[in-house]
C-alpha atoms as a PDB file:
ATOM      1  CA  MET A   1     107.196 169.133  48.310  1.00  0.00           C
ATOM      2  CA  SER A   2     111.006 169.195  48.170  1.00  0.00           C
ATOM      3  CA  TYR A   3     111.136 168.023  51.794  1.00  0.00           C
ATOM      4  CA  LEU A   4     108.767 165.167  51.011  1.00  0.00           C
ATOM      5  CA  SER A   5     110.763 164.043  47.975  1.00  0.00           C
ATOM      6  CA  THR A   6     113.981 164.220  50.008  1.00  0.00           C
ATOM      7  CA  HIS A   7     112.342 162.222  52.789  1.00  0.00           C
ATOM      8  CA  VAL A   8     111.183 159.546  50.325  1.00  0.00           C
ATOM      9  CA  ARG A   9     114.646 159.259  48.753  1.00  0.00           C
ATOM     10  CA  VAL A  10     116.353 159.012  52.146  1.00  0.00           C
ATOM     11  CA  VAL A  11     113.882 156.403  53.391  1.00  0.00           C
ATOM     12  CA  GLY A  12     114.383 154.417  50.184  1.00  0.00           C
ATOM     13  CA  ALA A  13     118.158 154.469  50.618  1.00  0.00           C
ATOM     14  CA  LEU A  14     117.879 153.475  54.281  1.00  0.00           C
ATOM     15  CA  LEU A  15     115.452 150.702  53.354  1.00  0.00           C
ATOM     16  CA  VAL A  16     117.964 149.175  50.935  1.00  0.00           C
ATOM     17  CA  ARG A  17     120.691 149.505  53.569  1.00  0.00           C
ATOM     18  CA  GLU A  18     118.525 147.855  56.235  1.00  0.00           C
ATOM     19  CA  MET A  19     117.686 144.954  53.920  1.00  0.00           C
ATOM     20  CA  ALA A  20     121.370 144.348  53.185  1.00  0.00           C
ATOM     21  CA  THR A  21     122.315 144.619  56.856  1.00  0.00           C
ATOM     22  CA  ARG A  22     119.505 142.424  58.145  1.00  0.00           C
ATOM     23  CA  PHE A  23     119.285 139.715  55.502  1.00  0.00           C
ATOM     24  CA  GLY A  24     122.651 139.965  53.771  1.00  0.00           C
ATOM     25  CA  SER A  25     123.313 139.259  50.124  1.00  0.00           C
ATOM     26  CA  LYS A  26     122.611 135.513  50.385  1.00  0.00           C
ATOM     27  CA  PRO A  27     119.228 133.745  50.581  1.00  0.00           C
ATOM     28  CA  GLY A  28     120.011 132.375  54.050  1.00  0.00           C
ATOM     29  CA  GLY A  29     118.832 135.533  55.790  1.00  0.00           C
ATOM     30  CA  TYR A  30     115.436 135.407  54.111  1.00  0.00           C
ATOM     31  CA  VAL A  31     115.087 131.678  54.776  1.00  0.00           C
ATOM     32  CA  TRP A  32     115.736 132.233  58.478  1.00  0.00           C
ATOM     33  CA  ALA A  33     112.944 134.825  58.585  1.00  0.00           C
ATOM     34  CA  LEU A  34     110.604 131.968  57.602  1.00  0.00           C
ATOM     35  CA  LEU A  35     112.196 129.177  59.646  1.00  0.00           C
ATOM     36  CA  ASP A  36     112.132 131.072  62.946  1.00  0.00           C
ATOM     37  CA  PRO A  37     108.321 131.465  63.246  1.00  0.00           C
ATOM     38  CA  ALA A  38     107.751 128.029  61.700  1.00  0.00           C
ATOM     39  CA  ALA A  39     109.995 126.435  64.338  1.00  0.00           C
ATOM     40  CA  HIS A  40     108.188 128.213  67.184  1.00  0.00           C
ATOM     41  CA  ILE A  41     104.787 127.154  65.860  1.00  0.00           C
ATOM     42  CA  LEU A  42     105.838 123.517  65.402  1.00  0.00           C
ATOM     43  CA  LEU A  43     107.370 123.390  68.886  1.00  0.00           C
ATOM     44  CA  MET A  44     104.186 124.726  70.490  1.00  0.00           C
ATOM     45  CA  THR A  45     102.135 122.280  68.430  1.00  0.00           C
ATOM     46  CA  PHE A  46     104.161 119.251  69.533  1.00  0.00           C
ATOM     47  CA  ILE A  47     104.084 120.265  73.202  1.00  0.00           C
ATOM     48  CA  PHE A  48     100.364 120.999  73.435  1.00  0.00           C
ATOM     49  CA  ARG A  49      99.343 118.079  71.236  1.00  0.00           C
ATOM     50  CA  ALA A  50     101.056 115.810  73.763  1.00  0.00           C
ATOM     51  CA  ILE A  51      99.029 117.176  76.684  1.00  0.00           C
ATOM     52  CA  ALA A  52      95.674 118.000  75.054  1.00  0.00           C
ATOM     53  CA  ARG A  53      93.338 116.143  72.725  1.00  0.00           C
ATOM     54  CA  ALA A  54      92.111 119.178  70.806  1.00  0.00           C
ATOM     55  CA  PRO A  55      93.067 122.850  70.462  1.00  0.00           C
ATOM     56  CA  ALA A  56      91.065 125.522  72.248  1.00  0.00           C
ATOM     57  CA  LEU A  57      89.567 126.551  68.903  1.00  0.00           C
ATOM     58  CA  GLY A  58      88.955 124.547  65.747  1.00  0.00           C
ATOM     59  CA  THR A  59      90.521 121.174  65.004  1.00  0.00           C
ATOM     60  CA  SER A  60      94.079 122.097  63.997  1.00  0.00           C
ATOM     61  CA  PHE A  61      96.744 122.742  66.642  1.00  0.00           C
ATOM     62  CA  VAL A  62      99.058 124.181  64.007  1.00  0.00           C
ATOM     63  CA  LEU A  63      96.543 126.755  62.752  1.00  0.00           C
ATOM     64  CA  PHE A  64      95.526 127.731  66.281  1.00  0.00           C
ATOM     65  CA  PHE A  65      99.087 128.453  67.398  1.00  0.00           C
ATOM     66  CA  ALA A  66     100.063 129.974  64.059  1.00  0.00           C
ATOM     67  CA  THR A  67      97.256 132.545  64.226  1.00  0.00           C
ATOM     68  CA  GLY A  68      98.245 133.455  67.779  1.00  0.00           C
ATOM     69  CA  TYR A  69     101.994 133.597  67.170  1.00  0.00           C
ATOM     70  CA  ILE A  70     101.853 135.475  63.858  1.00  0.00           C
ATOM     71  CA  ALA A  71      99.413 138.065  65.231  1.00  0.00           C
ATOM     72  CA  PHE A  72     101.666 138.621  68.249  1.00  0.00           C
ATOM     73  CA  GLN A  73     104.727 138.967  66.015  1.00  0.00           C
ATOM     74  CA  PHE A  74     103.219 141.926  64.180  1.00  0.00           C
ATOM     75  CA  TYR A  75     103.709 143.806  67.466  1.00  0.00           C
ATOM     76  CA  GLN A  76     106.702 142.044  69.009  1.00  0.00           C
ATOM     77  CA  ALA A  77     108.926 141.973  65.925  1.00  0.00           C
ATOM     78  CA  MET A  78     108.005 145.586  65.215  1.00  0.00           C
ATOM     79  CA  THR A  79     109.068 146.923  68.608  1.00  0.00           C
ATOM     80  CA  SER A  80     112.182 144.738  68.784  1.00  0.00           C
ATOM     81  CA  TYR A  81     113.392 145.976  65.402  1.00  0.00           C
ATOM     82  CA  LEU A  82     112.386 149.636  65.695  1.00  0.00           C
ATOM     83  CA  ASN A  83     113.564 150.228  69.268  1.00  0.00           C
ATOM     84  CA  SER A  84     117.165 150.563  68.088  1.00  0.00           C
ATOM     85  CA  ALA A  85     116.443 152.198  64.715  1.00  0.00           C
ATOM     86  CA  VAL A  86     117.876 155.605  65.617  1.00  0.00           C
ATOM     87  CA  ARG A  87     120.816 154.236  67.583  1.00  0.00           C
ATOM     88  CA  ALA A  88     121.803 151.837  64.788  1.00  0.00           C
ATOM     89  CA  ASN A  89     121.836 154.670  62.236  1.00  0.00           C
ATOM     90  CA  LYS A  90     123.525 157.229  64.485  1.00  0.00           C
ATOM     91  CA  ALA A  91     126.454 157.803  62.127  1.00  0.00           C
ATOM     92  CA  LEU A  92     124.109 158.726  59.275  1.00  0.00           C
ATOM     93  CA  LEU A  93     122.354 161.400  61.340  1.00  0.00           C
ATOM     94  CA  SER A  94     125.385 163.649  60.917  1.00  0.00           C
ATOM     95  CA  TYR A  95     124.126 164.270  57.370  1.00  0.00           C
ATOM     96  CA  PRO A  96     121.608 167.156  57.385  1.00  0.00           C
ATOM     97  CA  ASN A  97     119.221 165.418  54.975  1.00  0.00           C
ATOM     98  CA  VAL A  98     118.890 162.355  57.212  1.00  0.00           C
ATOM     99  CA  ALA A  99     116.411 162.776  60.089  1.00  0.00           C
ATOM    100  CA  PRO A 100     115.752 160.355  62.977  1.00  0.00           C
ATOM    101  CA  ILE A 101     112.226 159.748  61.682  1.00  0.00           C
ATOM    102  CA  ASP A 102     113.693 158.442  58.406  1.00  0.00           C
ATOM    103  CA  ALA A 103     115.326 155.540  60.240  1.00  0.00           C
ATOM    104  CA  ILE A 104     112.031 154.717  61.967  1.00  0.00           C
ATOM    105  CA  VAL A 105     110.006 154.836  58.744  1.00  0.00           C
ATOM    106  CA  ALA A 106     112.513 152.684  56.841  1.00  0.00           C
ATOM    107  CA  ARG A 107     112.517 149.970  59.483  1.00  0.00           C
ATOM    108  CA  PHE A 108     108.738 150.173  59.879  1.00  0.00           C
ATOM    109  CA  VAL A 109     108.180 149.576  56.162  1.00  0.00           C
ATOM    110  CA  LEU A 110     110.689 146.713  56.074  1.00  0.00           C
ATOM    111  CA  GLN A 111     109.229 145.023  59.147  1.00  0.00           C
ATOM    112  CA  VAL A 112     105.625 145.303  57.951  1.00  0.00           C
ATOM    113  CA  CYS A 113     106.591 143.781  54.594  1.00  0.00           C
ATOM    114  CA  THR A 114     108.669 141.031  56.214  1.00  0.00           C
ATOM    115  CA  THR A 115     106.063 139.944  58.774  1.00  0.00           C
ATOM    116  CA  THR A 116     103.256 140.146  56.204  1.00  0.00           C
ATOM    117  CA  LEU A 117     105.194 137.971  53.758  1.00  0.00           C
ATOM    118  CA  VAL A 118     106.012 135.460  56.502  1.00  0.00           C
ATOM    119  CA  ALA A 119     102.352 135.395  57.562  1.00  0.00           C
ATOM    120  CA  PHE A 120     101.168 134.735  54.000  1.00  0.00           C
ATOM    121  CA  ILE A 121     103.672 131.925  53.464  1.00  0.00           C
ATOM    122  CA  VAL A 122     103.280 130.222  56.858  1.00  0.00           C
ATOM    123  CA  LEU A 123      99.500 130.497  57.162  1.00  0.00           C
ATOM    124  CA  GLY A 124      98.976 129.866  53.453  1.00  0.00           C
ATOM    125  CA  THR A 125     101.036 126.682  53.672  1.00  0.00           C
ATOM    126  CA  ILE A 126      99.059 125.488  56.695  1.00  0.00           C
ATOM    127  CA  VAL A 127      95.696 126.111  55.050  1.00  0.00           C
ATOM    128  CA  ALA A 128      96.775 124.618  51.710  1.00  0.00           C
ATOM    129  CA  THR A 129      98.697 121.523  52.819  1.00  0.00           C
ATOM    130  CA  MET A 130      96.887 120.466  55.971  1.00  0.00           C
ATOM    131  CA  ARG A 131      93.433 120.663  54.447  1.00  0.00           C
ATOM    132  CA  VAL A 132      92.210 123.024  57.131  1.00  0.00           C
ATOM    133  CA  ASP A 133      88.609 123.998  56.440  1.00  0.00           C
ATOM    134  CA  THR A 134      88.514 127.747  56.973  1.00  0.00           C
ATOM    135  CA  ASN A 135      86.632 130.692  55.526  1.00  0.00           C
ATOM    136  CA  LEU A 136      88.867 133.744  55.757  1.00  0.00           C
ATOM    137  CA  HIS A 137      87.354 137.071  56.803  1.00  0.00           C
ATOM    138  CA  TRP A 138      89.917 139.520  55.463  1.00  0.00           C
ATOM    139  CA  PRO A 139      88.599 142.744  57.073  1.00  0.00           C
ATOM    140  CA  ALA A 140      89.084 141.268  60.566  1.00  0.00           C
ATOM    141  CA  ILE A 141      92.570 139.985  59.698  1.00  0.00           C
ATOM    142  CA  LEU A 142      93.769 143.251  58.154  1.00  0.00           C
ATOM    143  CA  GLU A 143      92.240 145.320  60.953  1.00  0.00           C
ATOM    144  CA  ALA A 144      94.102 143.320  63.602  1.00  0.00           C
ATOM    145  CA  ILE A 145      97.366 143.572  61.655  1.00  0.00           C
ATOM    146  CA  ALA A 146      97.016 147.342  61.241  1.00  0.00           C
ATOM    147  CA  MET A 147      96.347 147.903  64.942  1.00  0.00           C
ATOM    148  CA  ALA A 148      99.251 145.671  65.990  1.00  0.00           C
ATOM    149  CA  CYS A 149     101.633 147.538  63.675  1.00  0.00           C
ATOM    150  CA  LEU A 150     100.493 151.008  64.768  1.00  0.00           C
ATOM    151  CA  PHE A 151     100.631 150.062  68.436  1.00  0.00           C
ATOM    152  CA  GLY A 152     104.117 148.613  67.948  1.00  0.00           C
ATOM    153  CA  LEU A 153     105.216 151.750  66.082  1.00  0.00           C
ATOM    154  CA  GLY A 154     104.008 154.000  68.898  1.00  0.00           C
ATOM    155  CA  VAL A 155     105.750 151.933  71.571  1.00  0.00           C
ATOM    156  CA  ALA A 156     108.962 151.830  69.525  1.00  0.00           C
ATOM    157  CA  MET A 157     109.021 155.607  68.994  1.00  0.00           C
ATOM    158  CA  ILE A 158     108.698 156.144  72.735  1.00  0.00           C
ATOM    159  CA  ASN A 159     111.399 153.556  73.392  1.00  0.00           C
ATOM    160  CA  ALA A 160     113.777 155.066  70.827  1.00  0.00           C
ATOM    161  CA  VAL A 161     113.835 158.244  72.924  1.00  0.00           C
ATOM    162  CA  LEU A 162     113.774 156.721  76.405  1.00  0.00           C
ATOM    163  CA  PHE A 163     116.455 154.126  75.597  1.00  0.00           C
ATOM    164  CA  LEU A 164     118.848 156.972  74.781  1.00  0.00           C
ATOM    165  CA  LYS A 165     117.906 159.174  77.733  1.00  0.00           C
ATOM    166  CA  TYR A 166     117.586 156.480  80.390  1.00  0.00           C
ATOM    167  CA  PRO A 167     119.675 153.328  79.777  1.00  0.00           C
ATOM    168  CA  LEU A 168     118.092 151.643  82.807  1.00  0.00           C
ATOM    169  CA  TYR A 169     114.671 151.934  81.169  1.00  0.00           C
ATOM    170  CA  GLU A 170     115.815 149.611  78.388  1.00  0.00           C
ATOM    171  CA  GLN A 171     116.436 146.851  80.942  1.00  0.00           C
ATOM    172  CA  VAL A 172     113.117 147.522  82.675  1.00  0.00           C
ATOM    173  CA  PHE A 173     111.201 147.417  79.388  1.00  0.00           C
ATOM    174  CA  SER A 174     112.869 144.142  78.430  1.00  0.00           C
ATOM    175  CA  ILE A 175     111.775 142.551  81.715  1.00  0.00           C
ATOM    176  CA  VAL A 176     108.214 143.889  81.495  1.00  0.00           C
ATOM    177  CA  ASN A 177     107.805 143.035  77.805  1.00  0.00           C
ATOM    178  CA  ARG A 178     109.034 139.438  78.101  1.00  0.00           C
ATOM    179  CA  PRO A 179     105.921 137.899  79.748  1.00  0.00           C
ATOM    180  CA  LEU A 180     103.598 139.384  77.100  1.00  0.00           C
ATOM    181  CA  PHE A 181     104.050 136.283  74.957  1.00  0.00           C
ATOM    182  CA  LEU A 182     102.552 134.175  77.744  1.00  0.00           C
ATOM    183  CA  ILE A 183      99.654 136.439  78.717  1.00  0.00           C
ATOM    184  CA  SER A 184      98.444 137.770  75.351  1.00  0.00           C
ATOM    185  CA  GLY A 185      96.376 134.770  74.282  1.00  0.00           C
ATOM    186  CA  VAL A 186      98.839 132.974  72.022  1.00  0.00           C
ATOM    187  CA  PHE A 187      98.322 129.693  73.914  1.00  0.00           C
ATOM    188  CA  PHE A 188      94.786 130.176  75.209  1.00  0.00           C
ATOM    189  CA  LEU A 189      91.431 131.842  74.610  1.00  0.00           C
ATOM    190  CA  PRO A 190      90.537 134.673  77.004  1.00  0.00           C
ATOM    191  CA  ASP A 191      86.927 133.489  76.706  1.00  0.00           C
ATOM    192  CA  SER A 192      87.776 130.433  78.806  1.00  0.00           C
ATOM    193  CA  ILE A 193      89.048 132.479  81.760  1.00  0.00           C
ATOM    194  CA  PRO A 194      86.590 133.166  84.635  1.00  0.00           C
ATOM    195  CA  ALA A 195      85.041 136.647  84.574  1.00  0.00           C
ATOM    196  CA  PRO A 196      87.025 138.472  87.292  1.00  0.00           C
ATOM    197  CA  TYR A 197      90.378 137.424  85.811  1.00  0.00           C
ATOM    198  CA  ARG A 198      89.242 137.759  82.212  1.00  0.00           C
ATOM    199  CA  ASP A 199      88.719 141.488  82.738  1.00  0.00           C
ATOM    200  CA  LEU A 200      92.346 141.817  83.857  1.00  0.00           C
ATOM    201  CA  VAL A 201      93.606 139.894  80.833  1.00  0.00           C
ATOM    202  CA  LEU A 202      91.532 142.060  78.486  1.00  0.00           C
ATOM    203  CA  ILE A 203      93.377 145.195  79.655  1.00  0.00           C
ATOM    204  CA  ASN A 204      96.249 143.990  77.471  1.00  0.00           C
ATOM    205  CA  PRO A 205      95.611 145.395  73.950  1.00  0.00           C
ATOM    206  CA  LEU A 206      97.536 142.528  72.362  1.00  0.00           C
ATOM    207  CA  VAL A 207      94.842 140.135  73.584  1.00  0.00           C
ATOM    208  CA  HIS A 208      92.369 142.025  71.396  1.00  0.00           C
ATOM    209  CA  VAL A 209      94.810 141.927  68.461  1.00  0.00           C
ATOM    210  CA  ILE A 210      95.066 138.137  68.642  1.00  0.00           C
ATOM    211  CA  MET A 211      91.334 137.663  69.207  1.00  0.00           C
ATOM    212  CA  GLY A 212      90.539 139.877  66.225  1.00  0.00           C
ATOM    213  CA  PHE A 213      93.108 138.106  64.060  1.00  0.00           C
ATOM    214  CA  ARG A 214      91.743 134.672  64.974  1.00  0.00           C
ATOM    215  CA  LYS A 215      88.211 135.856  64.277  1.00  0.00           C
ATOM    216  CA  GLY A 216      89.282 136.249  60.670  1.00  0.00           C
ATOM    217  CA  PHE A 217      90.219 132.557  60.479  1.00  0.00           C
ATOM    218  CA  TYR A 218      87.452 131.054  62.601  1.00  0.00           C
ATOM    219  CA  PRO A 219      83.968 132.293  61.565  1.00  0.00           C
ATOM    220  CA  GLU A 220      82.425 130.397  64.495  1.00  0.00           C
ATOM    221  CA  TYR A 221      84.633 132.184  67.044  1.00  0.00           C
ATOM    222  CA  ARG A 222      82.482 134.506  69.168  1.00  0.00           C
ATOM    223  CA  ALA A 223      85.486 136.302  70.723  1.00  0.00           C
ATOM    224  CA  ILE A 224      83.756 137.212  73.982  1.00  0.00           C
ATOM    225  CA  GLY A 225      85.334 140.375  75.343  1.00  0.00           C
ATOM    226  CA  LEU A 226      86.820 141.572  72.059  1.00  0.00           C
ATOM    227  CA  ASP A 227      86.630 145.373  71.989  1.00  0.00           C
ATOM    228  CA  MET A 228      88.007 146.906  68.806  1.00  0.00           C
ATOM    229  CA  THR A 229      87.080 150.410  69.986  1.00  0.00           C
ATOM    230  CA  TYR A 230      89.363 149.922  72.983  1.00  0.00           C
ATOM    231  CA  LEU A 231      92.127 148.564  70.727  1.00  0.00           C
ATOM    232  CA  TYR A 232      91.800 151.506  68.322  1.00  0.00           C
ATOM    233  CA  GLY A 233      91.939 153.937  71.238  1.00  0.00           C
ATOM    234  CA  ILE A 234      95.060 152.384  72.777  1.00  0.00           C
ATOM    235  CA  ALA A 235      96.837 152.037  69.422  1.00  0.00           C
ATOM    236  CA  PHE A 236      96.238 155.618  68.286  1.00  0.00           C
ATOM    237  CA  LEU A 237      96.874 157.085  71.737  1.00  0.00           C
ATOM    238  CA  THR A 238     100.205 155.251  71.918  1.00  0.00           C
ATOM    239  CA  LEU A 239     101.087 156.334  68.385  1.00  0.00           C
ATOM    240  CA  PHE A 240     100.242 159.964  69.176  1.00  0.00           C
ATOM    241  CA  ALA A 241     102.323 159.828  72.369  1.00  0.00           C
ATOM    242  CA  GLY A 242     105.203 158.274  70.434  1.00  0.00           C
ATOM    243  CA  MET A 243     105.085 160.930  67.711  1.00  0.00           C
ATOM    244  CA  LEU A 244     104.913 163.700  70.319  1.00  0.00           C
ATOM    245  CA  VAL A 245     107.845 162.393  72.376  1.00  0.00           C
ATOM    246  CA  PHE A 246     109.849 161.707  69.219  1.00  0.00           C
ATOM    247  CA  THR A 247     109.218 165.178  67.778  1.00  0.00           C
ATOM    248  CA  LEU A 248     110.082 166.969  71.019  1.00  0.00           C
ATOM    249  CA  SER A 249     113.324 164.970  71.302  1.00  0.00           C
ATOM    250  CA  ARG A 250     114.685 165.515  67.789  1.00  0.00           C
ATOM    251  CA  LYS A 251     117.832 167.261  69.013  1.00  0.00           C
ATOM    252  CA  THR A 252     118.439 164.610  71.652  1.00  0.00           C
ATOM    253  CA  LEU A 253     118.076 161.820  69.102  1.00  0.00           C
ATOM    254  CA  ARG A 254     120.501 163.505  66.735  1.00  0.00           C
ATOM    255  CA  ASN A 255     123.134 164.589  69.260  1.00  0.00           C
ATOM    256  CA  GLU A 256     123.246 162.005  72.060  1.00  0.00           C
END
């Protein structure tokens, strides 16, 4: 119990520190957290509205791209922020009460809260101001968010170790991770891809995250190929692998 209370206090202190470091003491940092996704969504809307008459799903380009981009960000922003969690707090690990996992948990909590708040504001504004007729299915939305966050956490825990042990791996991961934005279904529906190639696209778990997330906003969306069992399996397997690698590398994370 004493370890748990110490862990909670340390995570709380790190959480406050991370908020101050990331957003600063002025409102500008929080405003940018909203403007960045909004700018990406508007840019995609303007580009695709110029070359297509209607979105691949529904009648609103903005809602279509917002659901894809926000769902993807629950993974992408998570890994980007957590990958360097241990390295950024290296000086604090010299204190015996501060463990590497504390840095991961603090950043995980902050990122989940930040992305969730951004999602509520951005998507809520779209639905409220653009008179988009939608019937939200919250279980599907929350399920997709949870799987994206857990998958991102698992990947980040693996990366936190491998980035320290193998600096070249960090460059390789950056190159491999970059195209995910283009092939995860942010811009398109996997349903529209011919069968042989659709099966290849559906190997990517983030495709299932975005399909599941969109299913919560579009009741008429059939989401052909969506496999939540597969997504659950990949997410929990990755999380287990991340926890195992992270636990076995505690000394490396603290000393290197």
